[in-house]
C-alpha atoms as a PDB file:
ATOM      1  CA  UNK A   1     103.416 122.847-128.016  1.00  0.00           C
ATOM      2  CA  UNK A   2     104.928 125.781-126.098  1.00  0.00           C
ATOM      3  CA  UNK A   3     103.622 129.283-125.765  1.00  0.00           C
ATOM      4  CA  UNK A   4     105.589 132.417-126.598  1.00  0.00           C
ATOM      5  CA  UNK A   5     103.796 134.469-123.960  1.00  0.00           C
ATOM      6  CA  UNK A   6     106.212 135.850-121.372  1.00  0.00           C
ATOM      7  CA  UNK A   7     105.333 136.542-117.754  1.00  0.00           C
ATOM      8  CA  UNK A   8     105.825 140.266-118.378  1.00  0.00           C
ATOM      9  CA  UNK A   9     103.583 140.453-121.445  1.00  0.00           C
ATOM     10  CA  UNK A  10     100.894 138.358-119.757  1.00  0.00           C
ATOM     11  CA  UNK A  11     101.026 140.604-116.680  1.00  0.00           C
ATOM     12  CA  UNK A  12     100.637 143.692-118.890  1.00  0.00           C
ATOM     13  CA  UNK A  13      97.731 141.989-120.635  1.00  0.00           C
ATOM     14  CA  UNK A  14      96.025 141.302-117.302  1.00  0.00           C
ATOM     15  CA  UNK A  15      96.408 144.963-116.341  1.00  0.00           C
ATOM     16  CA  UNK A  16      94.862 145.955-119.670  1.00  0.00           C
ATOM     17  CA  UNK A  17      91.959 143.509-119.292  1.00  0.00           C
ATOM     18  CA  UNK A  18      91.292 144.519-115.694  1.00  0.00           C
ATOM     19  CA  UNK A  19      91.209 148.162-116.752  1.00  0.00           C
ATOM     20  CA  UNK A  20      88.784 147.430-119.590  1.00  0.00           C
ATOM     21  CA  UNK A  21      86.464 145.086-117.707  1.00  0.00           C
ATOM     22  CA  UNK A  22      86.236 146.875-114.370  1.00  0.00           C
ATOM     23  CA  UNK A  23      85.896 150.447-115.681  1.00  0.00           C
ATOM     24  CA  UNK A  24      82.262 151.668-115.880  1.00  0.00           C
ATOM     25  CA  UNK A  25      80.576 151.284-119.245  1.00  0.00           C
ATOM     26  CA  UNK A  26      77.375 150.018-120.920  1.00  0.00           C
ATOM     27  CA  UNK A  27      77.891 146.412-119.808  1.00  0.00           C
ATOM     28  CA  UNK A  28      78.836 147.240-116.227  1.00  0.00           C
ATOM     29  CA  UNK A  29      75.832 149.570-115.916  1.00  0.00           C
ATOM     30  CA  UNK A  30      73.526 146.862-117.270  1.00  0.00           C
ATOM     31  CA  UNK A  31      74.863 144.293-114.806  1.00  0.00           C
ATOM     32  CA  UNK A  32      74.762 146.771-111.947  1.00  0.00           C
ATOM     33  CA  UNK A  33      71.095 147.485-112.725  1.00  0.00           C
ATOM     34  CA  UNK A  34      70.201 143.799-112.664  1.00  0.00           C
ATOM     35  CA  UNK A  35      72.255 143.256-109.531  1.00  0.00           C
ATOM     36  CA  UNK A  36      70.603 146.129-107.666  1.00  0.00           C
ATOM     37  CA  UNK A  37      67.078 145.058-108.514  1.00  0.00           C
ATOM     38  CA  UNK A  38      67.244 141.271-108.606  1.00  0.00           C
ATOM     39  CA  UNK A  39      70.549 140.092-107.170  1.00  0.00           C
ATOM     40  CA  UNK A  40      73.452 138.044-108.464  1.00  0.00           C
ATOM     41  CA  UNK A  41      71.655 134.739-109.122  1.00  0.00           C
ATOM     42  CA  UNK A  42      68.987 136.165-111.415  1.00  0.00           C
ATOM     43  CA  UNK A  43      71.635 138.242-113.197  1.00  0.00           C
ATOM     44  CA  UNK A  44      73.561 135.150-114.348  1.00  0.00           C
ATOM     45  CA  UNK A  45      71.754 134.869-117.738  1.00  0.00           C
ATOM     46  CA  UNK A  46      72.874 138.435-118.552  1.00  0.00           C
ATOM     47  CA  UNK A  47      76.423 137.509-117.597  1.00  0.00           C
ATOM     48  CA  UNK A  48      76.317 134.384-119.744  1.00  0.00           C
ATOM     49  CA  UNK A  49      75.007 136.392-122.695  1.00  0.00           C
ATOM     50  CA  UNK A  50      77.831 138.903-122.346  1.00  0.00           C
ATOM     51  CA  UNK A  51      80.416 136.118-122.124  1.00  0.00           C
ATOM     52  CA  UNK A  52      78.967 134.456-125.222  1.00  0.00           C
ATOM     53  CA  UNK A  53      79.205 137.745-127.149  1.00  0.00           C
ATOM     54  CA  UNK A  54      82.826 138.217-126.128  1.00  0.00           C
ATOM     55  CA  UNK A  55      83.694 134.590-126.938  1.00  0.00           C
ATOM     56  CA  UNK A  56      82.272 134.896-130.452  1.00  0.00           C
ATOM     57  CA  UNK A  57      84.101 138.207-130.909  1.00  0.00           C
ATOM     58  CA  UNK A  58      87.388 136.608-129.834  1.00  0.00           C
ATOM     59  CA  UNK A  59      86.904 133.720-132.265  1.00  0.00           C
ATOM     60  CA  UNK A  60      86.028 136.028-135.154  1.00  0.00           C
ATOM     61  CA  UNK A  61      88.376 138.947-134.632  1.00  0.00           C
ATOM     62  CA  UNK A  62      91.314 137.786-132.498  1.00  0.00           C
ATOM     63  CA  UNK A  63      91.736 134.397-134.160  1.00  0.00           C
ATOM     64  CA  UNK A  64      90.890 135.737-137.629  1.00  0.00           C
ATOM     65  CA  UNK A  65      93.323 138.613-137.409  1.00  0.00           C
ATOM     66  CA  UNK A  66      95.992 136.358-135.943  1.00  0.00           C
ATOM     67  CA  UNK A  67      95.828 134.311-139.144  1.00  0.00           C
ATOM     68  CA  UNK A  68      95.763 137.454-141.273  1.00  0.00           C
ATOM     69  CA  UNK A  69      98.920 138.966-139.824  1.00  0.00           C
ATOM     70  CA  UNK A  70     100.854 135.699-139.650  1.00  0.00           C
ATOM     71  CA  UNK A  71     104.146 136.272-141.440  1.00  0.00           C
ATOM     72  CA  UNK A  72     103.118 139.731-142.712  1.00  0.00           C
ATOM     73  CA  UNK A  73     105.213 142.370-140.971  1.00  0.00           C
ATOM     74  CA  UNK A  74     103.449 145.309-142.650  1.00  0.00           C
ATOM     75  CA  UNK A  75      99.941 144.255-141.585  1.00  0.00           C
ATOM     76  CA  UNK A  76     101.197 143.332-138.125  1.00  0.00           C
ATOM     77  CA  UNK A  77     102.794 146.766-137.681  1.00  0.00           C
ATOM     78  CA  UNK A  78      99.668 148.533-138.963  1.00  0.00           C
ATOM     79  CA  UNK A  79      97.467 146.637-136.498  1.00  0.00           C
ATOM     80  CA  UNK A  80      99.927 147.483-133.741  1.00  0.00           C
ATOM     81  CA  UNK A  81      99.600 151.196-134.512  1.00  0.00           C
ATOM     82  CA  UNK A  82      95.804 150.905-134.616  1.00  0.00           C
ATOM     83  CA  UNK A  83      95.870 149.263-131.192  1.00  0.00           C
ATOM     84  CA  UNK A  84      98.088 151.980-129.743  1.00  0.00           C
ATOM     85  CA  UNK A  85      95.923 154.733-131.253  1.00  0.00           C
ATOM     86  CA  UNK A  86      92.792 153.125-129.875  1.00  0.00           C
ATOM     87  CA  UNK A  87      94.228 152.848-126.368  1.00  0.00           C
ATOM     88  CA  UNK A  88      95.303 156.502-126.486  1.00  0.00           C
ATOM     89  CA  UNK A  89      91.792 157.423-127.626  1.00  0.00           C
ATOM     90  CA  UNK A  90      90.259 155.487-124.725  1.00  0.00           C
ATOM     91  CA  UNK A  91      92.659 157.143-122.289  1.00  0.00           C
ATOM     92  CA  UNK A  92      91.689 160.570-123.640  1.00  0.00           C
ATOM     93  CA  UNK A  93      87.982 159.740-123.379  1.00  0.00           C
ATOM     94  CA  UNK A  94      88.403 158.582-119.795  1.00  0.00           C
ATOM     95  CA  UNK A  95      90.376 161.700-118.847  1.00  0.00           C
ATOM     96  CA  UNK A  96      87.934 164.181-120.427  1.00  0.00           C
ATOM     97  CA  UNK A  97      84.692 162.336-119.621  1.00  0.00           C
ATOM     98  CA  UNK A  98      82.152 164.198-117.501  1.00  0.00           C
ATOM     99  CA  UNK A  99      80.990 160.943-115.900  1.00  0.00           C
ATOM    100  CA  UNK A 100      78.517 158.169-116.582  1.00  0.00           C
ATOM    101  CA  UNK A 101      74.761 158.407-116.250  1.00  0.00           C
ATOM    102  CA  UNK A 102      73.429 156.105-113.579  1.00  0.00           C
ATOM    103  CA  UNK A 103      69.935 156.444-115.032  1.00  0.00           C
ATOM    104  CA  UNK A 104      70.894 153.635-117.418  1.00  0.00           C
ATOM    105  CA  UNK A 105      70.916 151.253-114.478  1.00  0.00           C
ATOM    106  CA  UNK A 106      67.195 151.872-113.885  1.00  0.00           C
ATOM    107  CA  UNK A 107      65.960 150.644-117.244  1.00  0.00           C
ATOM    108  CA  UNK A 108      63.178 148.009-117.213  1.00  0.00           C
ATOM    109  CA  UNK A 109      64.623 144.559-116.804  1.00  0.00           C
ATOM    110  CA  UNK A 110      63.967 141.514-118.984  1.00  0.00           C
ATOM    111  CA  UNK A 111      61.870 138.696-117.520  1.00  0.00           C
ATOM    112  CA  UNK A 112      62.787 135.188-118.743  1.00  0.00           C
ATOM    113  CA  UNK A 113      66.152 133.487-119.204  1.00  0.00           C
ATOM    114  CA  UNK A 114      66.130 134.023-122.977  1.00  0.00           C
ATOM    115  CA  UNK A 115      65.341 137.735-122.609  1.00  0.00           C
ATOM    116  CA  UNK A 116      68.120 138.255-120.079  1.00  0.00           C
ATOM    117  CA  UNK A 117      70.616 136.222-122.088  1.00  0.00           C
ATOM    118  CA  UNK A 118      69.691 138.167-125.231  1.00  0.00           C
ATOM    119  CA  UNK A 119      70.093 141.497-123.452  1.00  0.00           C
ATOM    120  CA  UNK A 120      73.616 140.591-122.358  1.00  0.00           C
ATOM    121  CA  UNK A 121      74.422 139.205-125.806  1.00  0.00           C
ATOM    122  CA  UNK A 122      73.246 142.315-127.668  1.00  0.00           C
ATOM    123  CA  UNK A 123      74.974 144.673-125.249  1.00  0.00           C
ATOM    124  CA  UNK A 124      78.238 142.768-125.733  1.00  0.00           C
ATOM    125  CA  UNK A 125      77.966 142.786-129.530  1.00  0.00           C
ATOM    126  CA  UNK A 126      76.853 146.434-129.756  1.00  0.00           C
ATOM    127  CA  UNK A 127      79.943 147.701-127.951  1.00  0.00           C
ATOM    128  CA  UNK A 128      82.376 148.879-130.679  1.00  0.00           C
ATOM    129  CA  UNK A 129      85.354 148.657-128.336  1.00  0.00           C
ATOM    130  CA  UNK A 130      85.190 144.853-128.458  1.00  0.00           C
ATOM    131  CA  UNK A 131      85.874 144.788-132.205  1.00  0.00           C
ATOM    132  CA  UNK A 132      88.932 147.046-132.005  1.00  0.00           C
ATOM    133  CA  UNK A 133      90.153 145.486-128.778  1.00  0.00           C
ATOM    134  CA  UNK A 134      90.050 141.891-130.020  1.00  0.00           C
ATOM    135  CA  UNK A 135      91.314 142.631-133.528  1.00  0.00           C
ATOM    136  CA  UNK A 136      93.997 145.271-132.859  1.00  0.00           C
ATOM    137  CA  UNK A 137      95.135 144.708-129.276  1.00  0.00           C
ATOM    138  CA  UNK A 138      94.863 140.971-128.612  1.00  0.00           C
ATOM    139  CA  UNK A 139      97.158 139.820-131.458  1.00  0.00           C
ATOM    140  CA  UNK A 140      99.958 142.094-130.235  1.00  0.00           C
ATOM    141  CA  UNK A 141     100.370 140.032-127.082  1.00  0.00           C
ATOM    142  CA  UNK A 142     100.542 136.693-128.928  1.00  0.00           C
ATOM    143  CA  UNK A 143     103.555 134.956-130.463  1.00  0.00           C
ATOM    144  CA  UNK A 144     104.426 135.022-134.136  1.00  0.00           C
ATOM    145  CA  UNK A 145     104.328 131.304-134.942  1.00  0.00           C
ATOM    146  CA  UNK A 146     101.174 129.765-136.408  1.00  0.00           C
ATOM    147  CA  UNK A 147     100.205 127.113-133.856  1.00  0.00           C
ATOM    148  CA  UNK A 148     101.938 128.966-131.049  1.00  0.00           C
ATOM    149  CA  UNK A 149     100.023 132.135-131.880  1.00  0.00           C
ATOM    150  CA  UNK A 150      96.710 130.268-131.691  1.00  0.00           C
ATOM    151  CA  UNK A 151      97.649 128.891-128.275  1.00  0.00           C
ATOM    152  CA  UNK A 152      98.567 132.369-127.070  1.00  0.00           C
ATOM    153  CA  UNK A 153      95.300 133.857-128.334  1.00  0.00           C
ATOM    154  CA  UNK A 154      93.382 131.050-126.618  1.00  0.00           C
ATOM    155  CA  UNK A 155      95.165 131.742-123.313  1.00  0.00           C
ATOM    156  CA  UNK A 156      94.588 135.490-123.626  1.00  0.00           C
ATOM    157  CA  UNK A 157      90.942 134.977-124.536  1.00  0.00           C
ATOM    158  CA  UNK A 158      90.359 132.700-121.557  1.00  0.00           C
ATOM    159  CA  UNK A 159      92.022 135.200-119.218  1.00  0.00           C
ATOM    160  CA  UNK A 160      89.841 138.002-120.574  1.00  0.00           C
ATOM    161  CA  UNK A 161      86.641 135.968-120.239  1.00  0.00           C
ATOM    162  CA  UNK A 162      87.462 135.053-116.639  1.00  0.00           C
ATOM    163  CA  UNK A 163      88.197 138.679-115.723  1.00  0.00           C
ATOM    164  CA  UNK A 164      85.073 139.870-117.515  1.00  0.00           C
ATOM    165  CA  UNK A 165      82.950 137.308-115.668  1.00  0.00           C
ATOM    166  CA  UNK A 166      84.535 138.219-112.324  1.00  0.00           C
ATOM    167  CA  UNK A 167      83.965 141.952-112.852  1.00  0.00           C
ATOM    168  CA  UNK A 168      80.361 141.324-113.900  1.00  0.00           C
ATOM    169  CA  UNK A 169      79.689 139.259-110.783  1.00  0.00           C
ATOM    170  CA  UNK A 170      81.164 141.984-108.597  1.00  0.00           C
ATOM    171  CA  UNK A 171      79.036 144.661-110.254  1.00  0.00           C
ATOM    172  CA  UNK A 172      75.938 142.482-109.803  1.00  0.00           C
ATOM    173  CA  UNK A 173      76.684 141.495-106.211  1.00  0.00           C
ATOM    174  CA  UNK A 174      77.803 144.908-104.998  1.00  0.00           C
ATOM    175  CA  UNK A 175      75.493 146.880-107.296  1.00  0.00           C
ATOM    176  CA  UNK A 176      74.024 149.073-104.579  1.00  0.00           C
ATOM    177  CA  UNK A 177      77.375 149.932-103.012  1.00  0.00           C
ATOM    178  CA  UNK A 178      79.041 150.545-106.372  1.00  0.00           C
ATOM    179  CA  UNK A 179      76.164 152.817-107.325  1.00  0.00           C
ATOM    180  CA  UNK A 180      76.672 154.925-104.197  1.00  0.00           C
ATOM    181  CA  UNK A 181      80.381 155.228-105.007  1.00  0.00           C
ATOM    182  CA  UNK A 182      79.728 156.257-108.612  1.00  0.00           C
ATOM    183  CA  UNK A 183      77.120 158.818-107.561  1.00  0.00           C
ATOM    184  CA  UNK A 184      79.969 160.979-106.274  1.00  0.00           C
ATOM    185  CA  UNK A 185      81.383 163.099-109.127  1.00  0.00           C
ATOM    186  CA  UNK A 186      84.743 163.303-107.355  1.00  0.00           C
ATOM    187  CA  UNK A 187      84.995 159.513-107.073  1.00  0.00           C
ATOM    188  CA  UNK A 188      83.923 159.071-110.676  1.00  0.00           C
ATOM    189  CA  UNK A 189      86.591 161.527-111.771  1.00  0.00           C
ATOM    190  CA  UNK A 190      89.247 159.757-109.680  1.00  0.00           C
ATOM    191  CA  UNK A 191      88.300 156.381-111.174  1.00  0.00           C
ATOM    192  CA  UNK A 192      88.364 157.782-114.702  1.00  0.00           C
ATOM    193  CA  UNK A 193      91.757 159.456-114.215  1.00  0.00           C
ATOM    194  CA  UNK A 194      93.226 156.226-112.815  1.00  0.00           C
ATOM    195  CA  UNK A 195      91.791 154.276-115.754  1.00  0.00           C
ATOM    196  CA  UNK A 196      93.237 156.826-118.198  1.00  0.00           C
ATOM    197  CA  UNK A 197      96.720 156.460-116.689  1.00  0.00           C
ATOM    198  CA  UNK A 198      96.534 152.667-116.873  1.00  0.00           C
ATOM    199  CA  UNK A 199      95.395 152.755-120.503  1.00  0.00           C
ATOM    200  CA  UNK A 200      98.196 155.196-121.328  1.00  0.00           C
ATOM    201  CA  UNK A 201     100.730 152.873-119.741  1.00  0.00           C
ATOM    202  CA  UNK A 202      99.512 149.866-121.717  1.00  0.00           C
ATOM    203  CA  UNK A 203      99.559 151.962-124.918  1.00  0.00           C
ATOM    204  CA  UNK A 204     103.205 152.890-124.309  1.00  0.00           C
ATOM    205  CA  UNK A 205     104.122 149.260-123.708  1.00  0.00           C
ATOM    206  CA  UNK A 206     102.227 148.164-126.800  1.00  0.00           C
ATOM    207  CA  UNK A 207     104.018 150.817-128.877  1.00  0.00           C
ATOM    208  CA  UNK A 208     107.367 149.426-127.745  1.00  0.00           C
ATOM    209  CA  UNK A 209     106.258 145.950-128.774  1.00  0.00           C
ATOM    210  CA  UNK A 210     106.101 142.703-126.862  1.00  0.00           C
END
């Protein structure tokens, strides 16, 4: 069974995922807090919880919506427009944001494995961007055939999970250094502007269709 993913569309998808996973947000702040206070090893349960939340979201939203839009041009086009609008909204938020609060990284940490895993799981599920991202953006990169589309979504989901895990490990391992970088308003603004441009570029590409 062959995939309909092209090298170009997969490369654009990786740019999109890297932008989403490495830009500061609730999950990255949580992982940075654990990394600063307890190191990478003891932060692994939080990482696993986040990955589990994203995996379930991919199975529910990306796979579910892939079946929904199969063969339905109208629904597929509507979801495409929703994805483009959402990316433009994220780009606008990044451009106009006044910065993130690093106080969130000082919250009391959970103790046992279950508590840490649950904290990562709840943070992953409570992030509304995951729902829109997996339901409106993911399917646009996949092929149109039934079995082929499922294979594409599986490949895209795996790529996202690997990037998410890599970004989380980096935030945990380099938590103290990343914190010092983000404490500078000028550096925060530069990071947010760069993220906004990348999101805008992906939105334009998504609007043109893959």
